[in-house]
Amino acid sequence: MSGAAIAKCWTFASSSGSGRYQTPLYADGTTSCDCFGWCRRVAADGSRSCKHTRSVLMDTADRECLSSHDAQATAPAAVTTKMPARRTTTPVTPFGQLGRRKIQT
């Protein structure tokens, strides 16, 4: 859901270890999570769910989470990803390009 505005976000503790999971509620009412349950399980209709997103949708997240925060009133900053420079190498061989087949005419 890149580009969707986040209304609120909750942080839940992992019930099976020491991890923490982020569960945002988007402005359009949809949710997502970065836990294994949400990332790996997809229903036949393409929908996803986990106990953290169900907690948000049932309004019990504030009691069950470690922390939560409302989204800022300002628009989110644009995220830019800098791609590494492409490395170009020129083969230095006196015989031409290697791997190219000459076609006899």
N, C-alpha and C. Protein backbone atom coordinates (compact mmCIF):
# COMPACT_ATOMS: atom_id res chain seq x y z
N MET A 1 0.83 -1.18 0.00
CA MET A 1 0.00 0.00 0.00
C MET A 1 0.87 1.25 0.00
N SER A 2 1.65 1.39 -0.96
CA SER A 2 2.51 2.56 -0.99
C SER A 2 1.70 3.80 -1.36
N GLY A 3 1.96 4.88 -0.69
CA GLY A 3 1.30 6.13 -1.00
C GLY A 3 0.00 6.35 -0.25
N ALA A 4 -0.56 5.35 0.43
CA ALA A 4 -1.80 5.52 1.17
C ALA A 4 -1.50 6.24 2.48
N ALA A 5 -2.38 7.15 2.86
CA ALA A 5 -2.19 7.91 4.09
C ALA A 5 -2.53 7.03 5.29
N ILE A 6 -1.70 7.08 6.31
CA ILE A 6 -1.90 6.30 7.53
C ILE A 6 -2.61 7.17 8.55
N ALA A 7 -3.71 6.65 9.10
CA ALA A 7 -4.47 7.37 10.10
C ALA A 7 -3.90 7.13 11.51
N LYS A 8 -3.56 5.87 11.81
CA LYS A 8 -3.03 5.52 13.13
C LYS A 8 -2.21 4.26 12.98
N CYS A 9 -1.25 4.07 13.89
CA CYS A 9 -0.39 2.89 13.84
C CYS A 9 -0.20 2.33 15.25
N TRP A 10 -0.25 1.00 15.38
CA TRP A 10 -0.08 0.31 16.64
C TRP A 10 1.16 -0.57 16.58
N THR A 11 1.83 -0.73 17.72
CA THR A 11 2.95 -1.64 17.85
C THR A 11 2.54 -2.75 18.81
N PHE A 12 2.60 -4.00 18.32
CA PHE A 12 2.23 -5.16 19.12
C PHE A 12 3.47 -5.98 19.42
N ALA A 13 3.49 -6.63 20.58
CA ALA A 13 4.56 -7.55 20.94
C ALA A 13 4.26 -8.90 20.34
N SER A 14 5.29 -9.60 19.94
CA SER A 14 5.13 -10.95 19.42
C SER A 14 4.75 -11.87 20.57
N SER A 15 3.78 -12.76 20.33
CA SER A 15 3.38 -13.70 21.38
C SER A 15 4.31 -14.91 21.42
N SER A 16 5.15 -15.07 20.40
CA SER A 16 6.01 -16.25 20.35
C SER A 16 7.50 -15.93 20.50
N GLY A 17 7.83 -14.68 20.68
CA GLY A 17 9.26 -14.33 20.79
C GLY A 17 9.44 -12.90 21.23
N SER A 18 10.56 -12.32 20.84
CA SER A 18 10.87 -10.96 21.29
C SER A 18 10.64 -9.93 20.20
N GLY A 19 9.94 -10.29 19.13
CA GLY A 19 9.71 -9.36 18.03
C GLY A 19 8.60 -8.36 18.33
N ARG A 20 8.54 -7.36 17.48
CA ARG A 20 7.49 -6.35 17.55
C ARG A 20 6.94 -6.15 16.15
N TYR A 21 5.64 -5.92 16.06
CA TYR A 21 4.98 -5.79 14.76
C TYR A 21 4.23 -4.47 14.68
N GLN A 22 4.31 -3.83 13.51
CA GLN A 22 3.62 -2.57 13.25
C GLN A 22 2.34 -2.86 12.47
N THR A 23 1.24 -2.29 12.94
CA THR A 23 -0.05 -2.48 12.28
C THR A 23 -0.66 -1.11 12.01
N PRO A 24 -0.57 -0.62 10.78
CA PRO A 24 -1.16 0.68 10.46
C PRO A 24 -2.63 0.55 10.04
N LEU A 25 -3.40 1.56 10.38
CA LEU A 25 -4.77 1.72 9.89
C LEU A 25 -4.71 2.87 8.90
N TYR A 26 -5.06 2.60 7.66
CA TYR A 26 -4.98 3.61 6.61
C TYR A 26 -6.23 4.48 6.62
N ALA A 27 -6.14 5.63 5.99
CA ALA A 27 -7.24 6.59 5.97
C ALA A 27 -8.49 6.01 5.29
N ASP A 28 -8.32 5.05 4.39
CA ASP A 28 -9.48 4.46 3.72
C ASP A 28 -10.12 3.32 4.52
N GLY A 29 -9.61 3.04 5.75
CA GLY A 29 -10.19 2.02 6.62
C GLY A 29 -9.55 0.65 6.50
N THR A 30 -8.58 0.47 5.61
CA THR A 30 -7.90 -0.82 5.48
C THR A 30 -6.74 -0.89 6.45
N THR A 31 -6.29 -2.10 6.72
CA THR A 31 -5.17 -2.32 7.64
C THR A 31 -4.14 -3.22 6.97
N SER A 32 -2.96 -3.23 7.54
CA SER A 32 -1.91 -4.17 7.14
C SER A 32 -1.06 -4.43 8.37
N CYS A 33 -0.15 -5.39 8.25
CA CYS A 33 0.71 -5.73 9.38
C CYS A 33 2.01 -6.31 8.83
N ASP A 34 3.08 -6.25 9.60
CA ASP A 34 4.32 -6.84 9.14
C ASP A 34 4.65 -8.13 9.87
N CYS A 35 3.64 -8.77 10.49
CA CYS A 35 3.86 -10.05 11.14
C CYS A 35 3.83 -11.18 10.11
N PHE A 36 4.31 -12.36 10.51
CA PHE A 36 4.36 -13.49 9.61
C PHE A 36 2.96 -13.95 9.20
N GLY A 37 2.01 -13.89 10.11
CA GLY A 37 0.65 -14.31 9.80
C GLY A 37 0.03 -13.50 8.67
N TRP A 38 0.18 -12.20 8.71
CA TRP A 38 -0.40 -11.36 7.67
C TRP A 38 0.37 -11.47 6.36
N CYS A 39 1.67 -11.58 6.45
CA CYS A 39 2.50 -11.62 5.25
C CYS A 39 2.39 -12.94 4.49
N ARG A 40 2.18 -14.03 5.19
CA ARG A 40 2.23 -15.34 4.54
C ARG A 40 0.88 -15.98 4.26
N ARG A 41 -0.17 -15.57 4.96
CA ARG A 41 -1.48 -16.20 4.75
C ARG A 41 -2.37 -15.31 3.91
N VAL A 42 -2.83 -15.86 2.81
CA VAL A 42 -3.74 -15.13 1.92
C VAL A 42 -4.97 -16.00 1.70
N ALA A 43 -6.15 -15.43 1.89
CA ALA A 43 -7.39 -16.17 1.67
C ALA A 43 -7.63 -16.38 0.18
N ALA A 44 -8.57 -17.24 -0.14
CA ALA A 44 -8.87 -17.55 -1.55
C ALA A 44 -9.32 -16.31 -2.32
N ASP A 45 -9.96 -15.37 -1.64
CA ASP A 45 -10.42 -14.15 -2.32
C ASP A 45 -9.33 -13.08 -2.39
N GLY A 46 -8.13 -13.38 -1.88
CA GLY A 46 -7.01 -12.44 -1.93
C GLY A 46 -6.87 -11.55 -0.71
N SER A 47 -7.79 -11.68 0.24
CA SER A 47 -7.73 -10.85 1.43
C SER A 47 -6.71 -11.42 2.42
N ARG A 48 -6.27 -10.57 3.32
CA ARG A 48 -5.31 -10.97 4.34
C ARG A 48 -5.84 -10.56 5.70
N SER A 49 -5.41 -11.30 6.73
CA SER A 49 -5.84 -10.99 8.09
C SER A 49 -4.85 -11.61 9.06
N CYS A 50 -4.75 -11.03 10.23
CA CYS A 50 -3.97 -11.60 11.33
C CYS A 50 -4.61 -11.12 12.62
N LYS A 51 -4.11 -11.61 13.75
CA LYS A 51 -4.74 -11.23 15.02
C LYS A 51 -4.53 -9.75 15.32
N HIS A 52 -3.47 -9.15 14.79
CA HIS A 52 -3.23 -7.73 15.04
C HIS A 52 -4.21 -6.86 14.25
N THR A 53 -4.43 -7.18 12.97
CA THR A 53 -5.39 -6.39 12.18
C THR A 53 -6.81 -6.61 12.68
N ARG A 54 -7.13 -7.82 13.12
CA ARG A 54 -8.47 -8.07 13.68
C ARG A 54 -8.66 -7.27 14.96
N SER A 55 -7.60 -7.14 15.76
CA SER A 55 -7.67 -6.35 16.98
C SER A 55 -7.95 -4.87 16.67
N VAL A 56 -7.31 -4.37 15.60
CA VAL A 56 -7.54 -2.98 15.19
C VAL A 56 -8.99 -2.80 14.73
N LEU A 57 -9.48 -3.74 13.91
CA LEU A 57 -10.83 -3.62 13.37
C LEU A 57 -11.91 -3.83 14.44
N MET A 58 -11.60 -4.56 15.53
CA MET A 58 -12.57 -4.79 16.61
C MET A 58 -12.43 -3.75 17.72
N ASP A 59 -11.59 -2.73 17.52
CA ASP A 59 -11.38 -1.66 18.50
C ASP A 59 -10.84 -2.14 19.84
N THR A 60 -10.05 -3.21 19.85
CA THR A 60 -9.41 -3.68 21.07
C THR A 60 -7.90 -3.45 21.03
N ALA A 61 -7.40 -2.85 19.98
CA ALA A 61 -5.96 -2.68 19.79
C ALA A 61 -5.34 -1.80 20.87
N ASP A 62 -6.04 -0.77 21.32
CA ASP A 62 -5.46 0.13 22.32
C ASP A 62 -5.20 -0.58 23.64
N ARG A 63 -5.99 -1.61 23.97
CA ARG A 63 -5.77 -2.38 25.20
C ARG A 63 -4.66 -3.41 25.03
N GLU A 64 -4.48 -3.94 23.82
CA GLU A 64 -3.58 -5.06 23.59
C GLU A 64 -2.19 -4.67 23.07
N CYS A 65 -2.02 -3.44 22.65
CA CYS A 65 -0.76 -3.05 22.01
C CYS A 65 0.26 -2.55 23.03
N LEU A 66 1.52 -2.48 22.59
CA LEU A 66 2.58 -1.88 23.40
C LEU A 66 2.50 -0.36 23.34
N SER A 67 2.24 0.16 22.13
CA SER A 67 2.13 1.60 21.94
C SER A 67 1.35 1.88 20.68
N SER A 68 0.90 3.12 20.55
CA SER A 68 0.19 3.55 19.35
C SER A 68 0.45 5.03 19.15
N HIS A 69 0.29 5.46 17.91
CA HIS A 69 0.41 6.90 17.64
C HIS A 69 -0.48 7.26 16.46
N ASP A 70 -1.03 8.45 16.54
CA ASP A 70 -1.84 8.98 15.45
C ASP A 70 -0.92 9.54 14.38
N ALA A 71 -1.42 9.53 13.17
CA ALA A 71 -0.64 10.10 12.07
C ALA A 71 -0.58 11.61 12.21
N GLN A 72 0.48 12.17 11.69
CA GLN A 72 0.63 13.62 11.74
C GLN A 72 -0.34 14.26 10.77
N ALA A 73 -0.71 15.48 11.04
CA ALA A 73 -1.67 16.19 10.20
C ALA A 73 -1.09 16.55 8.84
N THR A 74 0.23 16.60 8.75
CA THR A 74 0.85 16.94 7.47
C THR A 74 0.90 15.73 6.56
N ALA A 75 1.04 15.97 5.29
CA ALA A 75 1.13 14.89 4.32
C ALA A 75 2.46 14.17 4.50
N PRO A 76 2.48 12.86 4.26
CA PRO A 76 3.73 12.14 4.41
C PRO A 76 4.77 12.59 3.40
N ALA A 77 6.02 12.56 3.83
CA ALA A 77 7.11 12.97 2.94
C ALA A 77 7.30 11.93 1.85
N ALA A 78 7.71 12.38 0.71
CA ALA A 78 7.94 11.45 -0.40
C ALA A 78 9.16 10.59 -0.09
N VAL A 79 9.03 9.33 -0.35
CA VAL A 79 10.13 8.40 -0.11
C VAL A 79 10.89 8.21 -1.40
N THR A 80 12.17 8.46 -1.34
CA THR A 80 13.00 8.27 -2.52
C THR A 80 14.00 7.17 -2.25
N THR A 81 14.20 6.36 -3.21
CA THR A 81 15.17 5.27 -3.09
C THR A 81 16.29 5.53 -4.08
N LYS A 82 17.48 5.60 -3.57
CA LYS A 82 18.62 5.84 -4.44
C LYS A 82 19.16 4.49 -4.90
N MET A 83 19.17 4.31 -6.18
CA MET A 83 19.67 3.07 -6.75
C MET A 83 21.19 3.17 -6.87
N PRO A 84 21.89 2.07 -6.61
CA PRO A 84 23.34 2.11 -6.76
C PRO A 84 23.71 2.31 -8.22
N ALA A 85 24.83 2.96 -8.43
CA ALA A 85 25.29 3.22 -9.79
C ALA A 85 25.57 1.88 -10.48
N ARG A 86 25.21 1.81 -11.72
CA ARG A 86 25.43 0.58 -12.47
C ARG A 86 26.89 0.50 -12.88
N ARG A 87 27.46 -0.63 -12.60
CA ARG A 87 28.86 -0.82 -12.92
C ARG A 87 28.99 -1.29 -14.36
N THR A 88 29.76 -0.57 -15.12
CA THR A 88 29.97 -0.96 -16.50
C THR A 88 31.43 -1.35 -16.68
N THR A 89 31.61 -2.42 -17.38
CA THR A 89 32.97 -2.85 -17.68
C THR A 89 33.06 -3.10 -19.17
N THR A 90 34.16 -2.74 -19.72
CA THR A 90 34.40 -3.02 -21.14
C THR A 90 35.45 -4.10 -21.23
N PRO A 91 35.11 -5.15 -21.96
CA PRO A 91 36.11 -6.21 -22.08
C PRO A 91 37.32 -5.72 -22.85
N VAL A 92 38.48 -6.06 -22.36
CA VAL A 92 39.72 -5.67 -23.02
C VAL A 92 40.31 -6.95 -23.62
N THR A 93 39.93 -7.21 -24.85
CA THR A 93 40.46 -8.38 -25.56
C THR A 93 40.81 -7.96 -26.98
N PRO A 94 41.88 -8.48 -27.51
CA PRO A 94 42.24 -8.13 -28.88
C PRO A 94 41.40 -8.89 -29.91
N PHE A 95 40.55 -9.80 -29.47
CA PHE A 95 39.82 -10.65 -30.40
C PHE A 95 38.37 -10.22 -30.63
N GLY A 96 37.97 -9.08 -30.16
CA GLY A 96 36.58 -8.64 -30.33
C GLY A 96 35.73 -9.05 -29.14
N GLN A 97 34.46 -9.10 -29.36
CA GLN A 97 33.55 -9.43 -28.27
C GLN A 97 33.50 -10.93 -28.04
N LEU A 98 33.68 -11.32 -26.82
CA LEU A 98 33.59 -12.74 -26.48
C LEU A 98 32.12 -13.15 -26.39
N GLY A 99 31.84 -14.35 -26.75
CA GLY A 99 30.48 -14.85 -26.64
C GLY A 99 29.60 -14.51 -27.81
N ARG A 100 30.08 -13.78 -28.79
CA ARG A 100 29.30 -13.41 -29.97
C ARG A 100 29.66 -14.36 -31.10
N ARG A 101 28.69 -14.91 -31.72
CA ARG A 101 28.94 -15.85 -32.82
C ARG A 101 28.90 -15.10 -34.15
N LYS A 102 29.90 -15.35 -34.97
CA LYS A 102 29.92 -14.76 -36.30
C LYS A 102 29.05 -15.60 -37.21
N ILE A 103 28.24 -14.94 -37.98
CA ILE A 103 27.36 -15.63 -38.92
C ILE A 103 27.99 -15.58 -40.31
N GLN A 104 28.16 -16.73 -40.91
CA GLN A 104 28.73 -16.82 -42.25
C GLN A 104 27.67 -16.43 -43.26
N THR A 105 28.01 -15.59 -44.18
CA THR A 105 27.07 -15.23 -45.25
C THR A 105 27.58 -15.62 -46.60
